[in-house]
């Protein structure tokens, strides 16, 4: 039996969202700096267009994570469809890859502040987890630097210390989806 790679999506208004998107077959199609920047700009633009808040983000070579807040939950479909569609055109134009570009995206709504903070730490730590860098200070394609500027070093250290579960977090929403 063929397993569909279309996960169920959550449509909740005025709710925090943790979104993960992945490139088909984990190819490093976003390794180009300008493609990472374009993906961020598409998210910023479409979140703004739909009055969603973009709180945190990280873009790696074959996937991304975003934390934000919905206004109207059903707008998630249009945001993701447009971002992935436009980004696919850019990737196809700037690389020699074959279609499809994207495998899918998964969304999760953190249950409470603790759950949100664990997901936030997971997102921010992703470049270290995947061994892009040894220090978060060295990875430019995430909101870590914005968090550092807004919060300061000590509050950010405390955030990681107070919510260490990010180290063992398994993204259940995408766990069984072999992209």
C-alpha atoms as a PDB file:
ATOM      1  CA  UNK A   1       0.000   0.000   0.000  1.00  0.00           C
ATOM      2  CA  UNK A   2       1.377   3.410  -0.983  1.00  0.00           C
ATOM      3  CA  UNK A   3       1.723   5.757   1.959  1.00  0.00           C
ATOM      4  CA  UNK A   4       0.722   9.307   1.209  1.00  0.00           C
ATOM      5  CA  UNK A   5       3.160  12.002   2.231  1.00  0.00           C
ATOM      6  CA  UNK A   6       0.394  14.512   2.827  1.00  0.00           C
ATOM      7  CA  UNK A   7       0.122  15.056   6.547  1.00  0.00           C
ATOM      8  CA  UNK A   8      -2.967  16.412   8.231  1.00  0.00           C
ATOM      9  CA  UNK A   9      -2.698  20.115   8.938  1.00  0.00           C
ATOM     10  CA  UNK A  10      -3.974  22.108  11.864  1.00  0.00           C
ATOM     11  CA  UNK A  11      -6.037  25.249  11.245  1.00  0.00           C
ATOM     12  CA  UNK A  12      -6.242  27.254  14.453  1.00  0.00           C
ATOM     13  CA  UNK A  13      -6.753  31.004  14.718  1.00  0.00           C
ATOM     14  CA  UNK A  14      -4.501  33.208  16.867  1.00  0.00           C
ATOM     15  CA  UNK A  15      -2.294  30.241  17.718  1.00  0.00           C
ATOM     16  CA  UNK A  16       1.461  29.634  17.785  1.00  0.00           C
ATOM     17  CA  UNK A  17       2.694  27.429  14.933  1.00  0.00           C
ATOM     18  CA  UNK A  18       5.915  25.482  14.490  1.00  0.00           C
ATOM     19  CA  UNK A  19       6.360  24.668  10.782  1.00  0.00           C
ATOM     20  CA  UNK A  20       8.972  22.417   9.201  1.00  0.00           C
ATOM     21  CA  UNK A  21       9.470  22.164   5.450  1.00  0.00           C
ATOM     22  CA  UNK A  22      11.708  19.720   3.627  1.00  0.00           C
ATOM     23  CA  UNK A  23      13.344  19.398   0.236  1.00  0.00           C
ATOM     24  CA  UNK A  24      12.523  16.222  -1.680  1.00  0.00           C
ATOM     25  CA  UNK A  25      15.070  13.449  -1.004  1.00  0.00           C
ATOM     26  CA  UNK A  26      16.920  15.764   1.397  1.00  0.00           C
ATOM     27  CA  UNK A  27      18.899  17.330  -1.444  1.00  0.00           C
ATOM     28  CA  UNK A  28      20.922  20.426  -0.432  1.00  0.00           C
ATOM     29  CA  UNK A  29      19.054  22.707  -2.837  1.00  0.00           C
ATOM     30  CA  UNK A  30      19.075  25.660  -0.447  1.00  0.00           C
ATOM     31  CA  UNK A  31      22.849  25.701   0.005  1.00  0.00           C
ATOM     32  CA  UNK A  32      23.089  28.932  -1.986  1.00  0.00           C
ATOM     33  CA  UNK A  33      23.031  32.007   0.263  1.00  0.00           C
ATOM     34  CA  UNK A  34      20.701  33.928  -2.043  1.00  0.00           C
ATOM     35  CA  UNK A  35      18.160  31.078  -2.051  1.00  0.00           C
ATOM     36  CA  UNK A  36      18.091  31.068   1.742  1.00  0.00           C
ATOM     37  CA  UNK A  37      17.527  34.825   1.711  1.00  0.00           C
ATOM     38  CA  UNK A  38      14.766  34.545  -0.901  1.00  0.00           C
ATOM     39  CA  UNK A  39      12.990  31.861   1.125  1.00  0.00           C
ATOM     40  CA  UNK A  40      13.091  34.081   4.209  1.00  0.00           C
ATOM     41  CA  UNK A  41      11.740  37.028   2.204  1.00  0.00           C
ATOM     42  CA  UNK A  42       8.880  34.918   0.827  1.00  0.00           C
ATOM     43  CA  UNK A  43       7.941  33.857   4.352  1.00  0.00           C
ATOM     44  CA  UNK A  44       8.164  37.423   5.618  1.00  0.00           C
ATOM     45  CA  UNK A  45       6.006  38.671   2.750  1.00  0.00           C
ATOM     46  CA  UNK A  46       3.314  36.008   2.940  1.00  0.00           C
ATOM     47  CA  UNK A  47       3.134  36.051   6.722  1.00  0.00           C
ATOM     48  CA  UNK A  48       2.653  39.845   6.544  1.00  0.00           C
ATOM     49  CA  UNK A  49       0.084  39.537   3.739  1.00  0.00           C
ATOM     50  CA  UNK A  50      -2.013  37.189   5.890  1.00  0.00           C
ATOM     51  CA  UNK A  51      -1.352  39.086   9.149  1.00  0.00           C
ATOM     52  CA  UNK A  52       0.573  36.194  10.640  1.00  0.00           C
ATOM     53  CA  UNK A  53       3.527  36.878  12.939  1.00  0.00           C
ATOM     54  CA  UNK A  54       6.934  35.438  12.052  1.00  0.00           C
ATOM     55  CA  UNK A  55       8.756  35.035  15.369  1.00  0.00           C
ATOM     56  CA  UNK A  56      11.734  32.758  14.647  1.00  0.00           C
ATOM     57  CA  UNK A  57      13.241  30.895  11.730  1.00  0.00           C
ATOM     58  CA  UNK A  58      16.183  28.809  10.589  1.00  0.00           C
ATOM     59  CA  UNK A  59      16.987  27.811   7.018  1.00  0.00           C
ATOM     60  CA  UNK A  60      19.371  24.937   6.349  1.00  0.00           C
ATOM     61  CA  UNK A  61      20.427  23.408   3.050  1.00  0.00           C
ATOM     62  CA  UNK A  62      17.579  20.882   2.845  1.00  0.00           C
ATOM     63  CA  UNK A  63      14.921  22.024   5.323  1.00  0.00           C
ATOM     64  CA  UNK A  64      13.688  24.893   7.454  1.00  0.00           C
ATOM     65  CA  UNK A  65      11.846  25.508  10.709  1.00  0.00           C
ATOM     66  CA  UNK A  66       9.616  28.470  11.508  1.00  0.00           C
ATOM     67  CA  UNK A  67       7.867  29.613  14.669  1.00  0.00           C
ATOM     68  CA  UNK A  68       5.112  32.142  14.345  1.00  0.00           C
ATOM     69  CA  UNK A  69       1.536  32.923  15.218  1.00  0.00           C
ATOM     70  CA  UNK A  70      -1.526  32.593  13.042  1.00  0.00           C
ATOM     71  CA  UNK A  71      -4.245  35.105  12.585  1.00  0.00           C
ATOM     72  CA  UNK A  72      -6.604  32.899  10.576  1.00  0.00           C
ATOM     73  CA  UNK A  73      -5.438  29.287  10.685  1.00  0.00           C
ATOM     74  CA  UNK A  74      -6.843  28.327   7.275  1.00  0.00           C
ATOM     75  CA  UNK A  75      -4.470  30.836   5.675  1.00  0.00           C
ATOM     76  CA  UNK A  76      -1.694  28.322   6.342  1.00  0.00           C
ATOM     77  CA  UNK A  77      -2.575  26.524   3.106  1.00  0.00           C
ATOM     78  CA  UNK A  78      -2.198  29.659   0.970  1.00  0.00           C
ATOM     79  CA  UNK A  79       0.951  30.814   2.726  1.00  0.00           C
ATOM     80  CA  UNK A  80       2.715  27.495   2.310  1.00  0.00           C
ATOM     81  CA  UNK A  81       1.455  26.843  -1.221  1.00  0.00           C
ATOM     82  CA  UNK A  82       2.656  30.251  -2.405  1.00  0.00           C
ATOM     83  CA  UNK A  83       6.006  30.177  -0.613  1.00  0.00           C
ATOM     84  CA  UNK A  84       6.810  26.665  -1.843  1.00  0.00           C
ATOM     85  CA  UNK A  85       5.577  27.386  -5.378  1.00  0.00           C
ATOM     86  CA  UNK A  86       7.565  30.604  -5.773  1.00  0.00           C
ATOM     87  CA  UNK A  87      10.615  29.123  -4.108  1.00  0.00           C
ATOM     88  CA  UNK A  88      10.485  26.074  -6.388  1.00  0.00           C
ATOM     89  CA  UNK A  89      10.726  28.390  -9.402  1.00  0.00           C
ATOM     90  CA  UNK A  90      13.776  30.089  -7.884  1.00  0.00           C
ATOM     91  CA  UNK A  91      15.473  26.793  -7.013  1.00  0.00           C
ATOM     92  CA  UNK A  92      14.804  25.314 -10.446  1.00  0.00           C
ATOM     93  CA  UNK A  93      16.145  28.474 -12.072  1.00  0.00           C
ATOM     94  CA  UNK A  94      19.321  28.628  -9.959  1.00  0.00           C
ATOM     95  CA  UNK A  95      20.213  24.936  -9.724  1.00  0.00           C
ATOM     96  CA  UNK A  96      20.239  21.970 -12.082  1.00  0.00           C
ATOM     97  CA  UNK A  97      17.860  19.916  -9.934  1.00  0.00           C
ATOM     98  CA  UNK A  98      14.965  17.809 -11.095  1.00  0.00           C
ATOM     99  CA  UNK A  99      11.374  18.258  -9.940  1.00  0.00           C
ATOM    100  CA  UNK A 100       9.939  18.066  -7.393  1.00  0.00           C
ATOM    101  CA  UNK A 101      11.756  20.577  -5.220  1.00  0.00           C
ATOM    102  CA  UNK A 102       9.699  20.243  -2.031  1.00  0.00           C
ATOM    103  CA  UNK A 103       8.580  17.107  -0.287  1.00  0.00           C
ATOM    104  CA  UNK A 104       6.197  18.626   2.186  1.00  0.00           C
ATOM    105  CA  UNK A 105       5.654  20.733   5.249  1.00  0.00           C
ATOM    106  CA  UNK A 106       4.486  19.766   8.715  1.00  0.00           C
ATOM    107  CA  UNK A 107       2.861  21.986  11.287  1.00  0.00           C
ATOM    108  CA  UNK A 108       2.514  21.684  15.015  1.00  0.00           C
ATOM    109  CA  UNK A 109       0.853  23.988  17.516  1.00  0.00           C
ATOM    110  CA  UNK A 110       2.806  24.201  20.786  1.00  0.00           C
ATOM    111  CA  UNK A 111       0.510  23.370  23.709  1.00  0.00           C
ATOM    112  CA  UNK A 112       1.877  25.875  26.193  1.00  0.00           C
ATOM    113  CA  UNK A 113       4.799  28.215  26.832  1.00  0.00           C
ATOM    114  CA  UNK A 114       7.119  25.357  27.846  1.00  0.00           C
ATOM    115  CA  UNK A 115       6.320  23.429  24.650  1.00  0.00           C
ATOM    116  CA  UNK A 116       6.893  26.629  22.641  1.00  0.00           C
ATOM    117  CA  UNK A 117      10.279  27.242  24.298  1.00  0.00           C
ATOM    118  CA  UNK A 118      11.440  23.674  23.668  1.00  0.00           C
ATOM    119  CA  UNK A 119      10.546  24.059  19.976  1.00  0.00           C
ATOM    120  CA  UNK A 120      12.228  27.463  19.868  1.00  0.00           C
ATOM    121  CA  UNK A 121      15.454  26.076  21.317  1.00  0.00           C
ATOM    122  CA  UNK A 122      15.268  23.164  18.870  1.00  0.00           C
ATOM    123  CA  UNK A 123      14.884  25.610  15.975  1.00  0.00           C
ATOM    124  CA  UNK A 124      17.713  27.872  17.096  1.00  0.00           C
ATOM    125  CA  UNK A 125      20.040  24.944  17.791  1.00  0.00           C
ATOM    126  CA  UNK A 126      19.364  23.221  14.454  1.00  0.00           C
ATOM    127  CA  UNK A 127      22.569  24.422  12.709  1.00  0.00           C
ATOM    128  CA  UNK A 128      24.620  22.914  15.545  1.00  0.00           C
ATOM    129  CA  UNK A 129      22.520  19.740  15.645  1.00  0.00           C
ATOM    130  CA  UNK A 130      23.125  19.168  11.927  1.00  0.00           C
ATOM    131  CA  UNK A 131      26.811  20.113  12.269  1.00  0.00           C
ATOM    132  CA  UNK A 132      26.747  23.157  10.027  1.00  0.00           C
ATOM    133  CA  UNK A 133      28.591  25.034  12.784  1.00  0.00           C
ATOM    134  CA  UNK A 134      29.931  24.434  16.287  1.00  0.00           C
ATOM    135  CA  UNK A 135      28.492  27.680  17.627  1.00  0.00           C
ATOM    136  CA  UNK A 136      25.158  29.374  16.932  1.00  0.00           C
ATOM    137  CA  UNK A 137      27.061  32.639  16.630  1.00  0.00           C
ATOM    138  CA  UNK A 138      28.581  31.322  13.383  1.00  0.00           C
ATOM    139  CA  UNK A 139      25.347  30.527  11.513  1.00  0.00           C
ATOM    140  CA  UNK A 140      23.810  33.539   9.749  1.00  0.00           C
ATOM    141  CA  UNK A 141      20.576  31.985   8.399  1.00  0.00           C
ATOM    142  CA  UNK A 142      18.497  31.985  11.553  1.00  0.00           C
ATOM    143  CA  UNK A 143      16.785  34.362  13.919  1.00  0.00           C
ATOM    144  CA  UNK A 144      19.370  33.543  16.611  1.00  0.00           C
ATOM    145  CA  UNK A 145      21.179  36.847  16.072  1.00  0.00           C
ATOM    146  CA  UNK A 146      17.911  38.798  16.366  1.00  0.00           C
ATOM    147  CA  UNK A 147      17.129  36.927  19.597  1.00  0.00           C
ATOM    148  CA  UNK A 148      20.596  37.690  20.915  1.00  0.00           C
ATOM    149  CA  UNK A 149      20.182  41.385  20.142  1.00  0.00           C
ATOM    150  CA  UNK A 150      16.680  41.608  21.662  1.00  0.00           C
ATOM    151  CA  UNK A 151      17.226  39.424  24.726  1.00  0.00           C
ATOM    152  CA  UNK A 152      20.926  39.592  25.421  1.00  0.00           C
ATOM    153  CA  UNK A 153      23.367  36.768  26.017  1.00  0.00           C
ATOM    154  CA  UNK A 154      22.418  35.823  29.596  1.00  0.00           C
ATOM    155  CA  UNK A 155      18.628  35.557  29.061  1.00  0.00           C
ATOM    156  CA  UNK A 156      19.259  33.476  25.946  1.00  0.00           C
ATOM    157  CA  UNK A 157      21.635  31.173  27.863  1.00  0.00           C
ATOM    158  CA  UNK A 158      19.013  30.836  30.597  1.00  0.00           C
ATOM    159  CA  UNK A 159      16.388  29.978  27.968  1.00  0.00           C
ATOM    160  CA  UNK A 160      18.509  27.063  26.728  1.00  0.00           C
ATOM    161  CA  UNK A 161      19.365  25.990  30.286  1.00  0.00           C
ATOM    162  CA  UNK A 162      15.715  26.139  31.454  1.00  0.00           C
ATOM    163  CA  UNK A 163      14.417  24.126  28.468  1.00  0.00           C
ATOM    164  CA  UNK A 164      17.052  21.465  27.697  1.00  0.00           C
ATOM    165  CA  UNK A 165      14.473  19.038  26.261  1.00  0.00           C
ATOM    166  CA  UNK A 166      15.216  20.457  22.801  1.00  0.00           C
ATOM    167  CA  UNK A 167      18.275  18.183  22.718  1.00  0.00           C
ATOM    168  CA  UNK A 168      16.136  15.033  22.630  1.00  0.00           C
ATOM    169  CA  UNK A 169      13.076  16.402  20.843  1.00  0.00           C
ATOM    170  CA  UNK A 170      11.739  14.203  18.059  1.00  0.00           C
ATOM    171  CA  UNK A 171       9.456  16.005  15.652  1.00  0.00           C
ATOM    172  CA  UNK A 172       6.593  13.509  15.837  1.00  0.00           C
ATOM    173  CA  UNK A 173       4.632  15.326  13.146  1.00  0.00           C
ATOM    174  CA  UNK A 174       7.305  14.449  10.562  1.00  0.00           C
ATOM    175  CA  UNK A 175       8.868  11.395  12.208  1.00  0.00           C
ATOM    176  CA  UNK A 176       7.304   8.686  10.037  1.00  0.00           C
ATOM    177  CA  UNK A 177       7.465  10.646   6.794  1.00  0.00           C
ATOM    178  CA  UNK A 178      10.455   9.477   4.764  1.00  0.00           C
ATOM    179  CA  UNK A 179      11.336  12.472   2.638  1.00  0.00           C
END
